[in-house]
Every structure is written in C-alpha cells, then in structure tokens.
Amino acid sequence: GTNPGGIVAADLDVDGLPDLATANQDSADLSALRGLGAGAFAIDV
C-alpha cells in the first residue's frame, strides 16, 4: 500500500510467529505481512 501510517505486530495466522499489519493512508487499505521466521516478512493480504 501507499504511505503506511500505523503498524501493529500480532500473530494473525495463528502459527506461533508474529506478523505485521500496516494502515496505508493514501491507498485506503490495510496490509498484512506474514512472519516467515527469523524476523523476515512478506505480504500476505
């Protein structure tokens, strides 16, 4: 998304790894980044 203005860490897929979510101000959407382990992340939703 564009211009992320807020962020939170949470286990969103209930796999025991922390994920990240950002509120993207200019694209009016939310991105959920899945935790891949070892502190790495990739866009999931």
All heavy atoms as atom14 arrays in JSON, in Angstrom:
{
  "sequence": "GTNPGGIVAADLDVDGLPDLATANQDSADLSALRGLGAGAFAIDV",
  "atom14_mask": [
    [1, 1, 1, 1, 0, 0, 0, 0, 0, 0, 0, 0, 0, 0],
    [1, 1, 1, 1, 1, 1, 1, 0, 0, 0, 0, 0, 0, 0],
    [1, 1, 1, 1, 1, 1, 1, 1, 0, 0, 0, 0, 0, 0],
    [1, 1, 1, 1, 1, 1, 1, 0, 0, 0, 0, 0, 0, 0],
    [1, 1, 1, 1, 0, 0, 0, 0, 0, 0, 0, 0, 0, 0],
    [1, 1, 1, 1, 0, 0, 0, 0, 0, 0, 0, 0, 0, 0],
    [1, 1, 1, 1, 1, 1, 1, 1, 0, 0, 0, 0, 0, 0],
    [1, 1, 1, 1, 1, 1, 1, 0, 0, 0, 0, 0, 0, 0],
    [1, 1, 1, 1, 1, 0, 0, 0, 0, 0, 0, 0, 0, 0],
    [1, 1, 1, 1, 1, 0, 0, 0, 0, 0, 0, 0, 0, 0],
    [1, 1, 1, 1, 1, 1, 1, 1, 0, 0, 0, 0, 0, 0],
    [1, 1, 1, 1, 1, 1, 1, 1, 0, 0, 0, 0, 0, 0],
    [1, 1, 1, 1, 1, 1, 1, 1, 0, 0, 0, 0, 0, 0],
    [1, 1, 1, 1, 1, 1, 1, 0, 0, 0, 0, 0, 0, 0],
    [1, 1, 1, 1, 1, 1, 1, 1, 0, 0, 0, 0, 0, 0],
    [1, 1, 1, 1, 0, 0, 0, 0, 0, 0, 0, 0, 0, 0],
    [1, 1, 1, 1, 1, 1, 1, 1, 0, 0, 0, 0, 0, 0],
    [1, 1, 1, 1, 1, 1, 1, 0, 0, 0, 0, 0, 0, 0],
    [1, 1, 1, 1, 1, 1, 1, 1, 0, 0, 0, 0, 0, 0],
    [1, 1, 1, 1, 1, 1, 1, 1, 0, 0, 0, 0, 0, 0],
    [1, 1, 1, 1, 1, 0, 0, 0, 0, 0, 0, 0, 0, 0],
    [1, 1, 1, 1, 1, 1, 1, 0, 0, 0, 0, 0, 0, 0],
    [1, 1, 1, 1, 1, 0, 0, 0, 0, 0, 0, 0, 0, 0],
    [1, 1, 1, 1, 1, 1, 1, 1, 0, 0, 0, 0, 0, 0],
    [1, 1, 1, 1, 1, 1, 1, 1, 1, 0, 0, 0, 0, 0],
    [1, 1, 1, 1, 1, 1, 1, 1, 0, 0, 0, 0, 0, 0],
    [1, 1, 1, 1, 1, 1, 0, 0, 0, 0, 0, 0, 0, 0],
    [1, 1, 1, 1, 1, 0, 0, 0, 0, 0, 0, 0, 0, 0],
    [1, 1, 1, 1, 1, 1, 1, 1, 0, 0, 0, 0, 0, 0],
    [1, 1, 1, 1, 1, 1, 1, 1, 0, 0, 0, 0, 0, 0],
    [1, 1, 1, 1, 1, 1, 0, 0, 0, 0, 0, 0, 0, 0],
    [1, 1, 1, 1, 1, 0, 0, 0, 0, 0, 0, 0, 0, 0],
    [1, 1, 1, 1, 1, 1, 1, 1, 0, 0, 0, 0, 0, 0],
    [1, 1, 1, 1, 1, 1, 1, 1, 1, 1, 1, 0, 0, 0],
    [1, 1, 1, 1, 0, 0, 0, 0, 0, 0, 0, 0, 0, 0],
    [1, 1, 1, 1, 1, 1, 1, 1, 0, 0, 0, 0, 0, 0],
    [1, 1, 1, 1, 0, 0, 0, 0, 0, 0, 0, 0, 0, 0],
    [1, 1, 1, 1, 1, 0, 0, 0, 0, 0, 0, 0, 0, 0],
    [1, 1, 1, 1, 0, 0, 0, 0, 0, 0, 0, 0, 0, 0],
    [1, 1, 1, 1, 1, 0, 0, 0, 0, 0, 0, 0, 0, 0],
    [1, 1, 1, 1, 1, 1, 1, 1, 1, 1, 1, 0, 0, 0],
    [1, 1, 1, 1, 1, 0, 0, 0, 0, 0, 0, 0, 0, 0],
    [1, 1, 1, 1, 1, 1, 1, 1, 0, 0, 0, 0, 0, 0],
    [1, 1, 1, 1, 1, 1, 1, 1, 0, 0, 0, 0, 0, 0],
    [1, 1, 1, 1, 1, 1, 1, 0, 0, 0, 0, 0, 0, 0]
  ],
  "atom14_positions": [
    [[0.82, -1.19, 0.0], [0.0, 0.0, 0.0], [0.86, 1.25, 0.0], [2.1, 1.18, -0.04], [0.0, 0.0, 0.0], [0.0, 0.0, 0.0], [0.0, 0.0, 0.0], [0.0, 0.0, 0.0], [0.0, 0.0, 0.0], [0.0, 0.0, 0.0], [0.0, 0.0, 0.0], [0.0, 0.0, 0.0], [0.0, 0.0, 0.0], [0.0, 0.0, 0.0]],
    [[0.21, 2.41, 0.09], [0.91, 3.69, -0.02], [0.78, 4.49, 1.27], [-0.31, 4.64, 1.82], [0.33, 4.52, -1.18], [0.33, 3.72, -2.37], [1.17, 5.76, -1.42], [0.0, 0.0, 0.0], [0.0, 0.0, 0.0], [0.0, 0.0, 0.0], [0.0, 0.0, 0.0], [0.0, 0.0, 0.0], [0.0, 0.0, 0.0], [0.0, 0.0, 0.0]],
    [[1.94, 4.99, 1.73], [2.01, 5.85, 2.91], [1.48, 5.16, 4.17], [0.5, 5.61, 4.78], [1.27, 7.16, 2.67], [1.59, 8.21, 3.74], [2.52, 8.06, 4.52], [0.79, 9.26, 3.76], [0.0, 0.0, 0.0], [0.0, 0.0, 0.0], [0.0, 0.0, 0.0], [0.0, 0.0, 0.0], [0.0, 0.0, 0.0], [0.0, 0.0, 0.0]],
    [[2.14, 4.09, 4.61], [1.71, 3.43, 5.85], [1.88, 4.36, 7.04], [2.96, 4.89, 7.29], [2.64, 2.21, 5.95], [3.84, 2.58, 5.14], [3.33, 3.44, 4.03], [0.0, 0.0, 0.0], [0.0, 0.0, 0.0], [0.0, 0.0, 0.0], [0.0, 0.0, 0.0], [0.0, 0.0, 0.0], [0.0, 0.0, 0.0], [0.0, 0.0, 0.0]],
    [[0.78, 4.56, 7.78], [0.8, 5.49, 8.89], [0.69, 4.85, 10.25], [0.95, 5.48, 11.27], [0.0, 0.0, 0.0], [0.0, 0.0, 0.0], [0.0, 0.0, 0.0], [0.0, 0.0, 0.0], [0.0, 0.0, 0.0], [0.0, 0.0, 0.0], [0.0, 0.0, 0.0], [0.0, 0.0, 0.0], [0.0, 0.0, 0.0], [0.0, 0.0, 0.0]],
    [[0.28, 3.59, 10.31], [0.16, 2.87, 11.57], [0.66, 1.45, 11.38], [0.6, 0.9, 10.28], [0.0, 0.0, 0.0], [0.0, 0.0, 0.0], [0.0, 0.0, 0.0], [0.0, 0.0, 0.0], [0.0, 0.0, 0.0], [0.0, 0.0, 0.0], [0.0, 0.0, 0.0], [0.0, 0.0, 0.0], [0.0, 0.0, 0.0], [0.0, 0.0, 0.0]],
    [[1.16, 0.84, 12.47], [1.68, -0.51, 12.38], [1.42, -1.22, 13.7], [1.42, -0.6, 14.78], [3.2, -0.51, 12.06], [3.7, -1.92, 11.74], [4.02, 0.13, 13.18], [5.1, -1.94, 11.12], [0.0, 0.0, 0.0], [0.0, 0.0, 0.0], [0.0, 0.0, 0.0], [0.0, 0.0, 0.0], [0.0, 0.0, 0.0], [0.0, 0.0, 0.0]],
    [[1.17, -2.53, 13.62], [0.98, -3.35, 14.81], [1.56, -4.73, 14.53], [1.53, -5.22, 13.39], [-0.52, -3.45, 15.18], [-1.32, -4.22, 14.15], [-0.7, -4.05, 16.56], [0.0, 0.0, 0.0], [0.0, 0.0, 0.0], [0.0, 0.0, 0.0], [0.0, 0.0, 0.0], [0.0, 0.0, 0.0], [0.0, 0.0, 0.0], [0.0, 0.0, 0.0]],
    [[2.14, -5.35, 15.56], [2.63, -6.73, 15.49], [1.62, -7.64, 16.17], [1.18, -7.35, 17.3], [4.0, -6.85, 16.15], [0.0, 0.0, 0.0], [0.0, 0.0, 0.0], [0.0, 0.0, 0.0], [0.0, 0.0, 0.0], [0.0, 0.0, 0.0], [0.0, 0.0, 0.0], [0.0, 0.0, 0.0], [0.0, 0.0, 0.0], [0.0, 0.0, 0.0]],
    [[1.23, -8.72, 15.5], [0.26, -9.65, 16.05], [0.36, -10.96, 15.28], [0.69, -10.97, 14.09], [-1.15, -9.08, 15.93], [0.0, 0.0, 0.0], [0.0, 0.0, 0.0], [0.0, 0.0, 0.0], [0.0, 0.0, 0.0], [0.0, 0.0, 0.0], [0.0, 0.0, 0.0], [0.0, 0.0, 0.0], [0.0, 0.0, 0.0], [0.0, 0.0, 0.0]],
    [[0.05, -12.07, 15.94], [0.03, -13.37, 15.27], [-1.31, -13.53, 14.58], [-2.27, -14.04, 15.15], [0.28, -14.49, 16.28], [0.34, -15.86, 15.62], [0.33, -15.93, 14.37], [0.4, -16.87, 16.35], [0.0, 0.0, 0.0], [0.0, 0.0, 0.0], [0.0, 0.0, 0.0], [0.0, 0.0, 0.0], [0.0, 0.0, 0.0], [0.0, 0.0, 0.0]],
    [[-1.39, -13.12, 13.33], [-2.67, -13.05, 12.62], [-3.08, -14.38, 12.0], [-4.27, -14.61, 11.78], [-2.59, -11.97, 11.54], [-2.33, -10.56, 12.06], [-2.11, -9.6, 10.89], [-3.48, -10.08, 12.93], [0.0, 0.0, 0.0], [0.0, 0.0, 0.0], [0.0, 0.0, 0.0], [0.0, 0.0, 0.0], [0.0, 0.0, 0.0], [0.0, 0.0, 0.0]],
    [[-2.12, -15.25, 11.69], [-2.47, -16.54, 11.1], [-2.4, -17.68, 12.12], [-2.56, -18.84, 11.77], [-1.59, -16.86, 9.89], [-0.1, -16.75, 10.21], [0.25, -16.54, 11.39], [0.71, -16.87, 9.27], [0.0, 0.0, 0.0], [0.0, 0.0, 0.0], [0.0, 0.0, 0.0], [0.0, 0.0, 0.0], [0.0, 0.0, 0.0], [0.0, 0.0, 0.0]],
    [[-2.17, -17.36, 13.37], [-2.19, -18.31, 14.49], [-1.22, -19.46, 14.25], [-1.54, -20.62, 14.47], [-3.63, -18.83, 14.74], [-3.76, -19.39, 16.16], [-4.66, -17.74, 14.56], [0.0, 0.0, 0.0], [0.0, 0.0, 0.0], [0.0, 0.0, 0.0], [0.0, 0.0, 0.0], [0.0, 0.0, 0.0], [0.0, 0.0, 0.0], [0.0, 0.0, 0.0]],
    [[0.0, -19.11, 13.79], [1.01, -20.14, 13.56], [2.16, -20.04, 14.56], [3.15, -20.75, 14.44], [1.55, -20.05, 12.13], [2.35, -18.78, 11.87], [2.31, -17.86, 12.71], [3.02, -18.71, 10.81], [0.0, 0.0, 0.0], [0.0, 0.0, 0.0], [0.0, 0.0, 0.0], [0.0, 0.0, 0.0], [0.0, 0.0, 0.0], [0.0, 0.0, 0.0]],
    [[2.02, -19.15, 15.55], [3.07, -19.01, 16.55], [4.15, -18.03, 16.18], [5.09, -17.83, 16.97], [0.0, 0.0, 0.0], [0.0, 0.0, 0.0], [0.0, 0.0, 0.0], [0.0, 0.0, 0.0], [0.0, 0.0, 0.0], [0.0, 0.0, 0.0], [0.0, 0.0, 0.0], [0.0, 0.0, 0.0], [0.0, 0.0, 0.0], [0.0, 0.0, 0.0]],
    [[4.06, -17.39, 15.02], [5.03, -16.39, 14.59], [4.36, -15.03, 14.52], [3.22, -14.92, 14.05], [5.62, -16.74, 13.22], [6.42, -18.03, 13.1], [6.76, -18.3, 11.63], [7.69, -17.94, 13.93], [0.0, 0.0, 0.0], [0.0, 0.0, 0.0], [0.0, 0.0, 0.0], [0.0, 0.0, 0.0], [0.0, 0.0, 0.0], [0.0, 0.0, 0.0]],
    [[5.03, -13.97, 14.94], [4.43, -12.64, 14.83], [4.36, -12.18, 13.39], [5.28, -12.38, 12.6], [5.38, -11.76, 15.64], [6.69, -12.47, 15.61], [6.37, -13.93, 15.57], [0.0, 0.0, 0.0], [0.0, 0.0, 0.0], [0.0, 0.0, 0.0], [0.0, 0.0, 0.0], [0.0, 0.0, 0.0], [0.0, 0.0, 0.0], [0.0, 0.0, 0.0]],
    [[3.24, -11.57, 13.05], [3.03, -10.95, 11.76], [2.97, -9.43, 11.96], [2.99, -8.94, 13.09], [1.74, -11.46, 11.13], [1.66, -12.98, 11.13], [2.56, -13.62, 10.54], [0.71, -13.53, 11.74], [0.0, 0.0, 0.0], [0.0, 0.0, 0.0], [0.0, 0.0, 0.0], [0.0, 0.0, 0.0], [0.0, 0.0, 0.0], [0.0, 0.0, 0.0]],
    [[2.92, -8.68, 10.87], [2.8, -7.23, 10.93], [1.6, -6.79, 10.11], [1.27, -7.4, 9.09], [4.06, -6.55, 10.39], [5.36, -6.78, 11.15], [6.54, -6.18, 10.38], [5.28, -6.18, 12.55], [0.0, 0.0, 0.0], [0.0, 0.0, 0.0], [0.0, 0.0, 0.0], [0.0, 0.0, 0.0], [0.0, 0.0, 0.0], [0.0, 0.0, 0.0]],
    [[0.95, -5.72, 10.55], [-0.13, -5.1, 9.77], [0.11, -3.6, 9.73], [0.49, -2.99, 10.75], [-1.49, -5.41, 10.38], [0.0, 0.0, 0.0], [0.0, 0.0, 0.0], [0.0, 0.0, 0.0], [0.0, 0.0, 0.0], [0.0, 0.0, 0.0], [0.0, 0.0, 0.0], [0.0, 0.0, 0.0], [0.0, 0.0, 0.0], [0.0, 0.0, 0.0]],
    [[-0.11, -3.01, 8.56], [0.04, -1.55, 8.41], [-1.25, -0.96, 7.87], [-1.93, -1.56, 7.03], [1.2, -1.19, 7.47], [0.94, -1.7, 6.15], [2.52, -1.74, 7.99], [0.0, 0.0, 0.0], [0.0, 0.0, 0.0], [0.0, 0.0, 0.0], [0.0, 0.0, 0.0], [0.0, 0.0, 0.0], [0.0, 0.0, 0.0], [0.0, 0.0, 0.0]],
    [[-1.57, 0.24, 8.35], [-2.69, 1.03, 7.83], [-2.11, 2.0, 6.81], [-1.29, 2.86, 7.16], [-3.39, 1.77, 8.95], [0.0, 0.0, 0.0], [0.0, 0.0, 0.0], [0.0, 0.0, 0.0], [0.0, 0.0, 0.0], [0.0, 0.0, 0.0], [0.0, 0.0, 0.0], [0.0, 0.0, 0.0], [0.0, 0.0, 0.0], [0.0, 0.0, 0.0]],
    [[-2.52, 1.86, 5.55], [-1.92, 2.62, 4.45], [-2.82, 3.79, 4.07], [-3.88, 3.62, 3.47], [-1.7, 1.68, 3.25], [-0.91, 0.45, 3.65], [0.09, 0.53, 4.36], [-1.36, -0.72, 3.18], [0.0, 0.0, 0.0], [0.0, 0.0, 0.0], [0.0, 0.0, 0.0], [0.0, 0.0, 0.0], [0.0, 0.0, 0.0], [0.0, 0.0, 0.0]],
    [[-2.36, 5.0, 4.41], [-3.22, 6.17, 4.35], [-3.67, 6.54, 2.94], [-4.83, 6.83, 2.69], [-2.49, 7.36, 5.0], [-2.16, 7.13, 6.47], [-1.32, 8.25, 7.04], [-1.85, 9.22, 7.56], [0.0, 8.12, 6.93], [0.0, 0.0, 0.0], [0.0, 0.0, 0.0], [0.0, 0.0, 0.0], [0.0, 0.0, 0.0], [0.0, 0.0, 0.0]],
    [[-2.74, 6.55, 1.99], [-3.07, 7.08, 0.66], [-3.72, 6.06, -0.26], [-4.3, 6.44, -1.29], [-1.81, 7.63, -0.01], [-1.29, 8.88, 0.68], [-1.97, 9.39, 1.6], [-0.18, 9.34, 0.33], [0.0, 0.0, 0.0], [0.0, 0.0, 0.0], [0.0, 0.0, 0.0], [0.0, 0.0, 0.0], [0.0, 0.0, 0.0], [0.0, 0.0, 0.0]],
    [[-3.64, 4.77, 0.08], [-4.29, 3.75, -0.75], [-5.53, 3.18, -0.09], [-6.17, 2.28, -0.65], [-3.3, 2.62, -1.07], [-2.65, 2.14, 0.09], [0.0, 0.0, 0.0], [0.0, 0.0, 0.0], [0.0, 0.0, 0.0], [0.0, 0.0, 0.0], [0.0, 0.0, 0.0], [0.0, 0.0, 0.0], [0.0, 0.0, 0.0], [0.0, 0.0, 0.0]],
    [[-5.9, 3.68, 1.08], [-7.13, 3.28, 1.78], [-7.24, 1.78, 1.94], [-8.28, 1.17, 1.65], [-8.36, 3.84, 1.04], [0.0, 0.0, 0.0], [0.0, 0.0, 0.0], [0.0, 0.0, 0.0], [0.0, 0.0, 0.0], [0.0, 0.0, 0.0], [0.0, 0.0, 0.0], [0.0, 0.0, 0.0], [0.0, 0.0, 0.0], [0.0, 0.0, 0.0]],
    [[-6.16, 1.19, 2.41], [-6.19, -0.25, 2.63], [-5.29, -0.64, 3.8], [-4.57, 0.2, 4.37], [-5.8, -1.02, 1.36], [-4.49, -0.57, 0.73], [-3.6, -0.1, 1.46], [-4.35, -0.69, -0.5], [0.0, 0.0, 0.0], [0.0, 0.0, 0.0], [0.0, 0.0, 0.0], [0.0, 0.0, 0.0], [0.0, 0.0, 0.0], [0.0, 0.0, 0.0]],
    [[-5.36, -1.89, 4.15], [-4.53, -2.47, 5.21], [-3.72, -3.6, 4.62], [-4.24, -4.43, 3.86], [-5.4, -2.98, 6.36], [-4.64, -3.72, 7.47], [-5.13, -3.29, 8.84], [-4.75, -5.24, 7.33], [0.0, 0.0, 0.0], [0.0, 0.0, 0.0], [0.0, 0.0, 0.0], [0.0, 0.0, 0.0], [0.0, 0.0, 0.0], [0.0, 0.0, 0.0]],
    [[-2.44, -3.63, 4.95], [-1.55, -4.71, 4.52], [-1.22, -5.6, 5.69], [-0.88, -5.1, 6.78], [-0.25, -4.14, 3.94], [-0.49, -3.35, 2.81], [0.0, 0.0, 0.0], [0.0, 0.0, 0.0], [0.0, 0.0, 0.0], [0.0, 0.0, 0.0], [0.0, 0.0, 0.0], [0.0, 0.0, 0.0], [0.0, 0.0, 0.0], [0.0, 0.0, 0.0]],
    [[-1.32, -6.89, 5.49], [-0.9, -7.88, 6.49], [0.31, -8.61, 5.94], [0.25, -9.22, 4.87], [-2.03, -8.85, 6.79], [0.0, 0.0, 0.0], [0.0, 0.0, 0.0], [0.0, 0.0, 0.0], [0.0, 0.0, 0.0], [0.0, 0.0, 0.0], [0.0, 0.0, 0.0], [0.0, 0.0, 0.0], [0.0, 0.0, 0.0], [0.0, 0.0, 0.0]],
    [[1.42, -8.52, 6.66], [2.66, -9.16, 6.27], [2.88, -10.38, 7.16], [2.95, -10.27, 8.39], [3.85, -8.2, 6.43], [4.02, -7.11, 5.37], [2.91, -6.06, 5.45], [5.37, -6.43, 5.53], [0.0, 0.0, 0.0], [0.0, 0.0, 0.0], [0.0, 0.0, 0.0], [0.0, 0.0, 0.0], [0.0, 0.0, 0.0], [0.0, 0.0, 0.0]],
    [[2.96, -11.53, 6.51], [3.11, -12.77, 7.26], [4.54, -12.93, 7.73], [5.5, -12.71, 6.99], [2.71, -13.96, 6.4], [2.71, -15.26, 7.18], [2.38, -16.45, 6.32], [2.51, -17.67, 7.09], [2.78, -18.87, 6.58], [2.94, -18.98, 5.28], [2.89, -19.91, 7.35], [0.0, 0.0, 0.0], [0.0, 0.0, 0.0], [0.0, 0.0, 0.0]],
    [[4.7, -13.32, 9.01], [6.01, -13.63, 9.54], [6.51, -14.95, 8.99], [5.84, -15.98, 9.09], [0.0, 0.0, 0.0], [0.0, 0.0, 0.0], [0.0, 0.0, 0.0], [0.0, 0.0, 0.0], [0.0, 0.0, 0.0], [0.0, 0.0, 0.0], [0.0, 0.0, 0.0], [0.0, 0.0, 0.0], [0.0, 0.0, 0.0], [0.0, 0.0, 0.0]],
    [[7.71, -14.92, 8.41], [8.29, -16.11, 7.79], [9.27, -16.82, 8.72], [9.79, -17.87, 8.37], [9.01, -15.72, 6.49], [8.17, -14.97, 5.46], [9.03, -14.57, 4.27], [6.97, -15.79, 5.03], [0.0, 0.0, 0.0], [0.0, 0.0, 0.0], [0.0, 0.0, 0.0], [0.0, 0.0, 0.0], [0.0, 0.0, 0.0], [0.0, 0.0, 0.0]],
    [[9.53, -16.23, 9.88], [10.54, -16.74, 10.79], [11.82, -15.93, 10.66], [12.1, -15.31, 9.62], [0.0, 0.0, 0.0], [0.0, 0.0, 0.0], [0.0, 0.0, 0.0], [0.0, 0.0, 0.0], [0.0, 0.0, 0.0], [0.0, 0.0, 0.0], [0.0, 0.0, 0.0], [0.0, 0.0, 0.0], [0.0, 0.0, 0.0], [0.0, 0.0, 0.0]],
    [[12.6, -15.9, 11.73], [13.87, -15.19, 11.78], [13.72, -13.69, 11.54], [14.67, -13.03, 11.12], [14.87, -15.79, 10.79], [0.0, 0.0, 0.0], [0.0, 0.0, 0.0], [0.0, 0.0, 0.0], [0.0, 0.0, 0.0], [0.0, 0.0, 0.0], [0.0, 0.0, 0.0], [0.0, 0.0, 0.0], [0.0, 0.0, 0.0], [0.0, 0.0, 0.0]],
    [[12.52, -13.17, 11.77], [12.3, -11.73, 11.63], [12.1, -11.25, 10.22], [12.22, -10.05, 9.96], [0.0, 0.0, 0.0], [0.0, 0.0, 0.0], [0.0, 0.0, 0.0], [0.0, 0.0, 0.0], [0.0, 0.0, 0.0], [0.0, 0.0, 0.0], [0.0, 0.0, 0.0], [0.0, 0.0, 0.0], [0.0, 0.0, 0.0], [0.0, 0.0, 0.0]],
    [[11.79, -12.15, 9.29], [11.52, -11.78, 7.89], [10.01, -11.8, 7.65], [9.26, -12.54, 8.3], [12.21, -12.75, 6.94], [0.0, 0.0, 0.0], [0.0, 0.0, 0.0], [0.0, 0.0, 0.0], [0.0, 0.0, 0.0], [0.0, 0.0, 0.0], [0.0, 0.0, 0.0], [0.0, 0.0, 0.0], [0.0, 0.0, 0.0], [0.0, 0.0, 0.0]],
    [[9.58, -11.0, 6.65], [8.14, -10.83, 6.4], [7.87, -10.74, 4.9], [8.73, -10.33, 4.12], [7.62, -9.56, 7.09], [7.75, -9.62, 8.59], [8.92, -9.21, 9.21], [6.72, -10.11, 9.37], [9.06, -9.29, 10.59], [6.85, -10.2, 10.74], [8.02, -9.78, 11.35], [0.0, 0.0, 0.0], [0.0, 0.0, 0.0], [0.0, 0.0, 0.0]],
    [[6.65, -11.11, 4.52], [6.21, -10.99, 3.13], [4.73, -10.66, 3.13], [3.97, -11.13, 3.99], [6.47, -12.27, 2.36], [0.0, 0.0, 0.0], [0.0, 0.0, 0.0], [0.0, 0.0, 0.0], [0.0, 0.0, 0.0], [0.0, 0.0, 0.0], [0.0, 0.0, 0.0], [0.0, 0.0, 0.0], [0.0, 0.0, 0.0], [0.0, 0.0, 0.0]],
    [[4.29, -9.88, 2.13], [2.88, -9.51, 2.03], [2.03, -10.76, 1.84], [2.31, -11.6, 0.99], [2.66, -8.56, 0.84], [3.45, -7.26, 1.02], [1.18, -8.25, 0.68], [3.48, -6.41, -0.22], [0.0, 0.0, 0.0], [0.0, 0.0, 0.0], [0.0, 0.0, 0.0], [0.0, 0.0, 0.0], [0.0, 0.0, 0.0], [0.0, 0.0, 0.0]],
    [[0.97, -10.85, 2.64], [0.04, -11.97, 2.51], [-1.34, -11.49, 2.07], [-1.98, -12.11, 1.23], [-0.07, -12.72, 3.84], [-0.59, -14.14, 3.69], [-0.79, -14.56, 2.53], [-0.8, -14.82, 4.7], [0.0, 0.0, 0.0], [0.0, 0.0, 0.0], [0.0, 0.0, 0.0], [0.0, 0.0, 0.0], [0.0, 0.0, 0.0], [0.0, 0.0, 0.0]],
    [[-1.79, -10.37, 2.63], [-3.13, -9.86, 2.36], [-3.07, -8.34, 2.26], [-2.38, -7.69, 3.05], [-4.12, -10.27, 3.47], [-5.44, -9.53, 3.33], [-4.37, -11.77, 3.46], [0.0, 0.0, 0.0], [0.0, 0.0, 0.0], [0.0, 0.0, 0.0], [0.0, 0.0, 0.0], [0.0, 0.0, 0.0], [0.0, 0.0, 0.0], [0.0, 0.0, 0.0]]
  ]
}
